[in-house]
């Protein structure tokens, strides 16, 4: 699961888009794109800048992988899904309408692709241990320790929730999404997200209490 693998695939299968870009358009320097916000990178991508997809992939591939890994429970399948997500983004950047953050949009695409896989493989299981061993390069050491501590507390509880409740908790606490962003990702009303959150939190609190763990890890 590398930037090189994704960009190689795109070059082989959709090189015409980049080659057909307006040669008069000033290319965005890769070093500048790395400092640019996601929305600016998407604009560059829409203009045919092939470096833009490399930047997006480097920023978001680990988070997308972790998310789909929790859904499909298979490393190989999760890696394929990550590649599919970024290939789709590269081919059709115009689908990003700017109504949400780029990270939220990417997770929505990833979720749809993962659900398609799960419909074909209904016996898929979670593999939280594997997902948690993938380090996010954007985290500093302190953030990594804090995130892993929180994840370690929640991961055993997550496996005991229903898929719908587990998904919401995962997005809110692991990916730090707001209720509104979760609603966009799972294509459900905010009221539904809040209801699932309520029942999921209650269930997790009971599980934590049985394990003798402080429920403060669920505070927002």
C-alpha atoms as a PDB file:
ATOM      1  CA  UNK A   1       0.000   0.000   0.000  1.00  0.00           C
ATOM      2  CA  UNK A   2       2.206   2.793  -1.283  1.00  0.00           C
ATOM      3  CA  UNK A   3       1.944   6.040  -3.171  1.00  0.00           C
ATOM      4  CA  UNK A   4       4.036   4.479  -5.915  1.00  0.00           C
ATOM      5  CA  UNK A   5       1.582   1.589  -6.328  1.00  0.00           C
ATOM      6  CA  UNK A   6      -1.377   3.925  -6.662  1.00  0.00           C
ATOM      7  CA  UNK A   7       0.304   6.355  -9.035  1.00  0.00           C
ATOM      8  CA  UNK A   8       1.665   3.509 -11.174  1.00  0.00           C
ATOM      9  CA  UNK A   9      -1.836   2.104 -11.546  1.00  0.00           C
ATOM     10  CA  UNK A  10      -3.207   5.518 -12.458  1.00  0.00           C
ATOM     11  CA  UNK A  11      -0.485   6.082 -15.038  1.00  0.00           C
ATOM     12  CA  UNK A  12      -1.232   2.751 -16.684  1.00  0.00           C
ATOM     13  CA  UNK A  13      -4.999   3.081 -16.711  1.00  0.00           C
ATOM     14  CA  UNK A  14      -5.799   6.778 -16.931  1.00  0.00           C
ATOM     15  CA  UNK A  15      -2.744   8.581 -18.245  1.00  0.00           C
ATOM     16  CA  UNK A  16      -4.848  10.410 -20.792  1.00  0.00           C
ATOM     17  CA  UNK A  17      -6.323  12.714 -18.178  1.00  0.00           C
ATOM     18  CA  UNK A  18      -2.996  14.103 -17.051  1.00  0.00           C
ATOM     19  CA  UNK A  19      -1.523  14.199 -20.528  1.00  0.00           C
ATOM     20  CA  UNK A  20      -4.608  16.029 -21.739  1.00  0.00           C
ATOM     21  CA  UNK A  21      -4.391  18.744 -19.103  1.00  0.00           C
ATOM     22  CA  UNK A  22      -4.011  22.324 -20.276  1.00  0.00           C
ATOM     23  CA  UNK A  23      -0.238  22.745 -20.877  1.00  0.00           C
ATOM     24  CA  UNK A  24      -0.581  26.491 -20.319  1.00  0.00           C
ATOM     25  CA  UNK A  25      -1.755  25.941 -16.747  1.00  0.00           C
ATOM     26  CA  UNK A  26       1.000  26.570 -14.215  1.00  0.00           C
ATOM     27  CA  UNK A  27       1.783  23.300 -12.397  1.00  0.00           C
ATOM     28  CA  UNK A  28       1.596  23.265  -8.622  1.00  0.00           C
ATOM     29  CA  UNK A  29       5.028  22.516  -7.185  1.00  0.00           C
ATOM     30  CA  UNK A  30       4.977  19.384  -5.057  1.00  0.00           C
ATOM     31  CA  UNK A  31       6.620  21.172  -2.144  1.00  0.00           C
ATOM     32  CA  UNK A  32       3.907  23.848  -2.206  1.00  0.00           C
ATOM     33  CA  UNK A  33       1.114  21.277  -2.370  1.00  0.00           C
ATOM     34  CA  UNK A  34       2.483  19.567   0.714  1.00  0.00           C
ATOM     35  CA  UNK A  35       1.874  22.793   2.640  1.00  0.00           C
ATOM     36  CA  UNK A  36      -1.527  23.498   1.065  1.00  0.00           C
ATOM     37  CA  UNK A  37      -4.888  22.642   2.687  1.00  0.00           C
ATOM     38  CA  UNK A  38      -6.787  19.659   1.332  1.00  0.00           C
ATOM     39  CA  UNK A  39      -9.228  21.831  -0.582  1.00  0.00           C
ATOM     40  CA  UNK A  40      -6.389  23.494  -2.489  1.00  0.00           C
ATOM     41  CA  UNK A  41      -4.900  20.090  -3.263  1.00  0.00           C
ATOM     42  CA  UNK A  42      -8.267  18.975  -4.664  1.00  0.00           C
ATOM     43  CA  UNK A  43      -8.319  22.063  -6.866  1.00  0.00           C
ATOM     44  CA  UNK A  44      -4.872  21.177  -8.166  1.00  0.00           C
ATOM     45  CA  UNK A  45      -6.040  17.636  -8.804  1.00  0.00           C
ATOM     46  CA  UNK A  46      -9.011  18.914 -10.798  1.00  0.00           C
ATOM     47  CA  UNK A  47      -6.569  20.917 -12.919  1.00  0.00           C
ATOM     48  CA  UNK A  48      -4.673  17.755 -13.788  1.00  0.00           C
ATOM     49  CA  UNK A  49      -1.740  18.002 -11.393  1.00  0.00           C
ATOM     50  CA  UNK A  50      -0.635  14.419 -10.821  1.00  0.00           C
ATOM     51  CA  UNK A  51       1.379  15.422  -7.736  1.00  0.00           C
ATOM     52  CA  UNK A  52      -1.861  16.293  -5.942  1.00  0.00           C
ATOM     53  CA  UNK A  53      -2.939  12.667  -5.582  1.00  0.00           C
ATOM     54  CA  UNK A  54       0.437  11.832  -4.059  1.00  0.00           C
ATOM     55  CA  UNK A  55      -0.111  14.499  -1.426  1.00  0.00           C
ATOM     56  CA  UNK A  56      -3.641  13.314  -0.634  1.00  0.00           C
ATOM     57  CA  UNK A  57      -2.506   9.713  -0.430  1.00  0.00           C
ATOM     58  CA  UNK A  58       0.373  10.549   1.905  1.00  0.00           C
ATOM     59  CA  UNK A  59      -1.938  12.527   4.203  1.00  0.00           C
ATOM     60  CA  UNK A  60      -4.913  10.210   4.364  1.00  0.00           C
ATOM     61  CA  UNK A  61      -4.053   6.653   3.337  1.00  0.00           C
ATOM     62  CA  UNK A  62      -3.343   5.419   6.870  1.00  0.00           C
ATOM     63  CA  UNK A  63      -6.613   6.784   8.256  1.00  0.00           C
ATOM     64  CA  UNK A  64      -8.588   5.335   5.355  1.00  0.00           C
ATOM     65  CA  UNK A  65      -6.836   1.997   5.814  1.00  0.00           C
ATOM     66  CA  UNK A  66      -7.601   1.879   9.531  1.00  0.00           C
ATOM     67  CA  UNK A  67     -11.235   2.684   8.876  1.00  0.00           C
ATOM     68  CA  UNK A  68     -11.822   0.045   6.200  1.00  0.00           C
ATOM     69  CA  UNK A  69      -9.699  -2.470   8.105  1.00  0.00           C
ATOM     70  CA  UNK A  70     -12.129  -2.271  10.994  1.00  0.00           C
ATOM     71  CA  UNK A  71     -14.959  -2.926   8.578  1.00  0.00           C
ATOM     72  CA  UNK A  72     -13.549  -5.742   6.440  1.00  0.00           C
ATOM     73  CA  UNK A  73     -11.022  -7.301   8.818  1.00  0.00           C
ATOM     74  CA  UNK A  74      -8.622  -8.385   6.084  1.00  0.00           C
ATOM     75  CA  UNK A  75      -5.326  -6.628   5.369  1.00  0.00           C
ATOM     76  CA  UNK A  76      -5.163  -7.511   1.685  1.00  0.00           C
ATOM     77  CA  UNK A  77      -8.759  -6.469   1.053  1.00  0.00           C
ATOM     78  CA  UNK A  78      -8.274  -3.247   3.037  1.00  0.00           C
ATOM     79  CA  UNK A  79      -5.179  -2.335   1.028  1.00  0.00           C
ATOM     80  CA  UNK A  80      -7.034  -2.938  -2.232  1.00  0.00           C
ATOM     81  CA  UNK A  81      -9.891  -0.751  -1.040  1.00  0.00           C
ATOM     82  CA  UNK A  82      -7.526   2.078  -0.125  1.00  0.00           C
ATOM     83  CA  UNK A  83      -6.038   1.958  -3.604  1.00  0.00           C
ATOM     84  CA  UNK A  84      -9.515   1.954  -5.152  1.00  0.00           C
ATOM     85  CA  UNK A  85     -10.518   4.993  -3.115  1.00  0.00           C
ATOM     86  CA  UNK A  86      -7.601   7.120  -4.278  1.00  0.00           C
ATOM     87  CA  UNK A  87      -7.811   5.908  -7.862  1.00  0.00           C
ATOM     88  CA  UNK A  88     -11.463   6.966  -7.931  1.00  0.00           C
ATOM     89  CA  UNK A  89     -10.564  10.351  -6.452  1.00  0.00           C
ATOM     90  CA  UNK A  90      -7.861  10.842  -9.075  1.00  0.00           C
ATOM     91  CA  UNK A  91     -10.181   9.906 -11.910  1.00  0.00           C
ATOM     92  CA  UNK A  92     -13.160  11.962 -10.724  1.00  0.00           C
ATOM     93  CA  UNK A  93     -11.988  14.823  -8.503  1.00  0.00           C
ATOM     94  CA  UNK A  94     -15.006  16.849  -9.591  1.00  0.00           C
ATOM     95  CA  UNK A  95     -17.201  14.694  -7.358  1.00  0.00           C
ATOM     96  CA  UNK A  96     -15.869  16.624  -4.395  1.00  0.00           C
ATOM     97  CA  UNK A  97     -18.445  19.378  -3.982  1.00  0.00           C
ATOM     98  CA  UNK A  98     -16.901  21.063  -0.947  1.00  0.00           C
ATOM     99  CA  UNK A  99     -19.898  20.421   1.310  1.00  0.00           C
ATOM    100  CA  UNK A 100     -17.689  18.605   3.821  1.00  0.00           C
ATOM    101  CA  UNK A 101     -14.022  18.205   4.623  1.00  0.00           C
ATOM    102  CA  UNK A 102     -11.917  16.189   2.208  1.00  0.00           C
ATOM    103  CA  UNK A 103     -11.104  13.662   4.942  1.00  0.00           C
ATOM    104  CA  UNK A 104     -14.817  13.093   5.573  1.00  0.00           C
ATOM    105  CA  UNK A 105     -15.473  12.677   1.857  1.00  0.00           C
ATOM    106  CA  UNK A 106     -12.690  10.103   1.561  1.00  0.00           C
ATOM    107  CA  UNK A 107     -14.096   8.038   4.430  1.00  0.00           C
ATOM    108  CA  UNK A 108     -17.542   8.108   2.821  1.00  0.00           C
ATOM    109  CA  UNK A 109     -16.081   6.720  -0.406  1.00  0.00           C
ATOM    110  CA  UNK A 110     -14.147   4.119   1.559  1.00  0.00           C
ATOM    111  CA  UNK A 111     -17.235   3.075   3.500  1.00  0.00           C
ATOM    112  CA  UNK A 112     -19.284   2.529   0.349  1.00  0.00           C
ATOM    113  CA  UNK A 113     -16.556   0.379  -1.167  1.00  0.00           C
ATOM    114  CA  UNK A 114     -16.112  -1.596   2.052  1.00  0.00           C
ATOM    115  CA  UNK A 115     -19.849  -2.266   2.325  1.00  0.00           C
ATOM    116  CA  UNK A 116     -19.839  -3.588  -1.223  1.00  0.00           C
ATOM    117  CA  UNK A 117     -17.131  -6.050  -0.222  1.00  0.00           C
ATOM    118  CA  UNK A 118     -18.963  -7.038   2.956  1.00  0.00           C
ATOM    119  CA  UNK A 119     -22.114  -7.793   1.006  1.00  0.00           C
ATOM    120  CA  UNK A 120     -20.085 -10.314  -0.951  1.00  0.00           C
ATOM    121  CA  UNK A 121     -18.289 -11.644   2.123  1.00  0.00           C
ATOM    122  CA  UNK A 122     -20.812 -11.622   4.950  1.00  0.00           C
ATOM    123  CA  UNK A 123     -18.503 -13.572   7.263  1.00  0.00           C
ATOM    124  CA  UNK A 124     -15.819 -10.859   7.438  1.00  0.00           C
ATOM    125  CA  UNK A 125     -14.362 -10.366  10.928  1.00  0.00           C
ATOM    126  CA  UNK A 126     -12.652  -7.432  12.610  1.00  0.00           C
ATOM    127  CA  UNK A 127      -8.900  -7.505  13.105  1.00  0.00           C
ATOM    128  CA  UNK A 128      -8.372  -4.560  15.424  1.00  0.00           C
ATOM    129  CA  UNK A 129      -4.917  -5.686  16.519  1.00  0.00           C
ATOM    130  CA  UNK A 130      -3.599  -5.440  12.960  1.00  0.00           C
ATOM    131  CA  UNK A 131      -5.264  -2.104  12.290  1.00  0.00           C
ATOM    132  CA  UNK A 132      -3.758  -0.572  15.411  1.00  0.00           C
ATOM    133  CA  UNK A 133      -0.204  -1.549  14.491  1.00  0.00           C
ATOM    134  CA  UNK A 134      -0.229   0.847  11.523  1.00  0.00           C
ATOM    135  CA  UNK A 135       1.360   4.089  12.646  1.00  0.00           C
ATOM    136  CA  UNK A 136       0.017   7.359  11.304  1.00  0.00           C
ATOM    137  CA  UNK A 137       3.050   9.369  10.111  1.00  0.00           C
ATOM    138  CA  UNK A 138       1.259  12.655  10.818  1.00  0.00           C
ATOM    139  CA  UNK A 139       1.163  11.943  14.573  1.00  0.00           C
ATOM    140  CA  UNK A 140       3.849  13.287  16.869  1.00  0.00           C
ATOM    141  CA  UNK A 141       5.058  10.893  19.633  1.00  0.00           C
ATOM    142  CA  UNK A 142       2.799  12.362  22.306  1.00  0.00           C
ATOM    143  CA  UNK A 143      -0.276  12.187  20.086  1.00  0.00           C
ATOM    144  CA  UNK A 144       0.569   8.616  19.106  1.00  0.00           C
ATOM    145  CA  UNK A 145       0.808   7.504  22.737  1.00  0.00           C
ATOM    146  CA  UNK A 146      -2.435   9.222  23.665  1.00  0.00           C
ATOM    147  CA  UNK A 147      -4.293   7.804  20.676  1.00  0.00           C
ATOM    148  CA  UNK A 148      -3.003   4.271  21.236  1.00  0.00           C
ATOM    149  CA  UNK A 149      -3.925   4.410  24.932  1.00  0.00           C
ATOM    150  CA  UNK A 150      -7.466   5.429  24.082  1.00  0.00           C
ATOM    151  CA  UNK A 151      -7.731   2.864  21.308  1.00  0.00           C
ATOM    152  CA  UNK A 152      -6.439   0.117  23.572  1.00  0.00           C
ATOM    153  CA  UNK A 153      -9.228   0.859  26.041  1.00  0.00           C
ATOM    154  CA  UNK A 154     -11.962   0.934  23.427  1.00  0.00           C
ATOM    155  CA  UNK A 155     -10.959  -1.769  20.986  1.00  0.00           C
ATOM    156  CA  UNK A 156     -12.163  -4.735  23.072  1.00  0.00           C
ATOM    157  CA  UNK A 157     -15.459  -2.994  23.694  1.00  0.00           C
ATOM    158  CA  UNK A 158     -15.930  -2.181  20.004  1.00  0.00           C
ATOM    159  CA  UNK A 159     -15.923  -5.847  19.031  1.00  0.00           C
ATOM    160  CA  UNK A 160     -18.915  -6.441  21.297  1.00  0.00           C
ATOM    161  CA  UNK A 161     -21.124  -3.771  19.722  1.00  0.00           C
ATOM    162  CA  UNK A 162     -23.443  -4.215  16.778  1.00  0.00           C
ATOM    163  CA  UNK A 163     -21.891  -3.211  13.410  1.00  0.00           C
ATOM    164  CA  UNK A 164     -23.994  -0.036  13.211  1.00  0.00           C
ATOM    165  CA  UNK A 165     -23.075   1.086  16.731  1.00  0.00           C
ATOM    166  CA  UNK A 166     -19.429   0.077  16.313  1.00  0.00           C
ATOM    167  CA  UNK A 167     -19.132   2.124  13.139  1.00  0.00           C
ATOM    168  CA  UNK A 168     -20.424   5.299  14.774  1.00  0.00           C
ATOM    169  CA  UNK A 169     -18.203   4.944  17.830  1.00  0.00           C
ATOM    170  CA  UNK A 170     -15.198   4.237  15.636  1.00  0.00           C
ATOM    171  CA  UNK A 171     -15.774   7.372  13.550  1.00  0.00           C
ATOM    172  CA  UNK A 172     -16.387   9.660  16.534  1.00  0.00           C
ATOM    173  CA  UNK A 173     -13.684   8.484  18.910  1.00  0.00           C
ATOM    174  CA  UNK A 174     -11.041   6.958  16.670  1.00  0.00           C
ATOM    175  CA  UNK A 175     -11.356   9.278  13.660  1.00  0.00           C
ATOM    176  CA  UNK A 176     -12.596  12.253  15.735  1.00  0.00           C
ATOM    177  CA  UNK A 177     -15.518  13.040  13.440  1.00  0.00           C
ATOM    178  CA  UNK A 178     -18.412  15.256  14.464  1.00  0.00           C
ATOM    179  CA  UNK A 179     -22.006  14.034  14.469  1.00  0.00           C
ATOM    180  CA  UNK A 180     -22.597  15.963  11.263  1.00  0.00           C
ATOM    181  CA  UNK A 181     -19.579  14.414   9.564  1.00  0.00           C
ATOM    182  CA  UNK A 182     -20.587  10.913  10.647  1.00  0.00           C
ATOM    183  CA  UNK A 183     -24.054  11.537   9.223  1.00  0.00           C
ATOM    184  CA  UNK A 184     -22.457  12.466   5.888  1.00  0.00           C
ATOM    185  CA  UNK A 185     -20.213   9.410   5.890  1.00  0.00           C
ATOM    186  CA  UNK A 186     -22.916   6.838   6.676  1.00  0.00           C
ATOM    187  CA  UNK A 187     -25.649   8.707   4.739  1.00  0.00           C
ATOM    188  CA  UNK A 188     -28.040   8.894   7.688  1.00  0.00           C
ATOM    189  CA  UNK A 189     -29.801  11.726   9.554  1.00  0.00           C
ATOM    190  CA  UNK A 190     -27.944  13.298  12.466  1.00  0.00           C
ATOM    191  CA  UNK A 191     -30.754  12.134  14.750  1.00  0.00           C
ATOM    192  CA  UNK A 192     -29.950   8.538  13.804  1.00  0.00           C
ATOM    193  CA  UNK A 193     -26.266   9.084  14.560  1.00  0.00           C
ATOM    194  CA  UNK A 194     -27.120  10.578  17.958  1.00  0.00           C
ATOM    195  CA  UNK A 195     -29.420   7.667  18.797  1.00  0.00           C
ATOM    196  CA  UNK A 196     -26.764   5.117  17.872  1.00  0.00           C
ATOM    197  CA  UNK A 197     -24.210   7.068  19.864  1.00  0.00           C
ATOM    198  CA  UNK A 198     -26.471   7.066  22.914  1.00  0.00           C
ATOM    199  CA  UNK A 199     -27.014   3.305  22.894  1.00  0.00           C
ATOM    200  CA  UNK A 200     -23.401   2.548  21.978  1.00  0.00           C
ATOM    201  CA  UNK A 201     -22.038   4.753  24.784  1.00  0.00           C
ATOM    202  CA  UNK A 202     -24.323   3.103  27.313  1.00  0.00           C
ATOM    203  CA  UNK A 203     -23.193  -0.339  26.218  1.00  0.00           C
ATOM    204  CA  UNK A 204     -19.506   0.601  26.280  1.00  0.00           C
ATOM    205  CA  UNK A 205     -19.844   2.216  29.721  1.00  0.00           C
ATOM    206  CA  UNK A 206     -21.286  -1.040  31.050  1.00  0.00           C
ATOM    207  CA  UNK A 207     -18.445  -3.018  29.486  1.00  0.00           C
ATOM    208  CA  UNK A 208     -15.831  -0.645  30.889  1.00  0.00           C
ATOM    209  CA  UNK A 209     -17.398  -0.777  34.316  1.00  0.00           C
ATOM    210  CA  UNK A 210     -17.251  -4.571  34.293  1.00  0.00           C
ATOM    211  CA  UNK A 211     -13.573  -4.368  33.356  1.00  0.00           C
ATOM    212  CA  UNK A 212     -12.878  -1.815  36.103  1.00  0.00           C
ATOM    213  CA  UNK A 213     -11.836   0.889  33.622  1.00  0.00           C
ATOM    214  CA  UNK A 214     -12.488   4.605  34.124  1.00  0.00           C
ATOM    215  CA  UNK A 215     -15.269   5.744  31.783  1.00  0.00           C
ATOM    216  CA  UNK A 216     -13.487   9.086  31.290  1.00  0.00           C
ATOM    217  CA  UNK A 217     -12.018   7.727  28.044  1.00  0.00           C
ATOM    218  CA  UNK A 218     -15.481   8.265  26.519  1.00  0.00           C
ATOM    219  CA  UNK A 219     -15.628  11.968  27.375  1.00  0.00           C
ATOM    220  CA  UNK A 220     -15.810  14.308  24.370  1.00  0.00           C
END
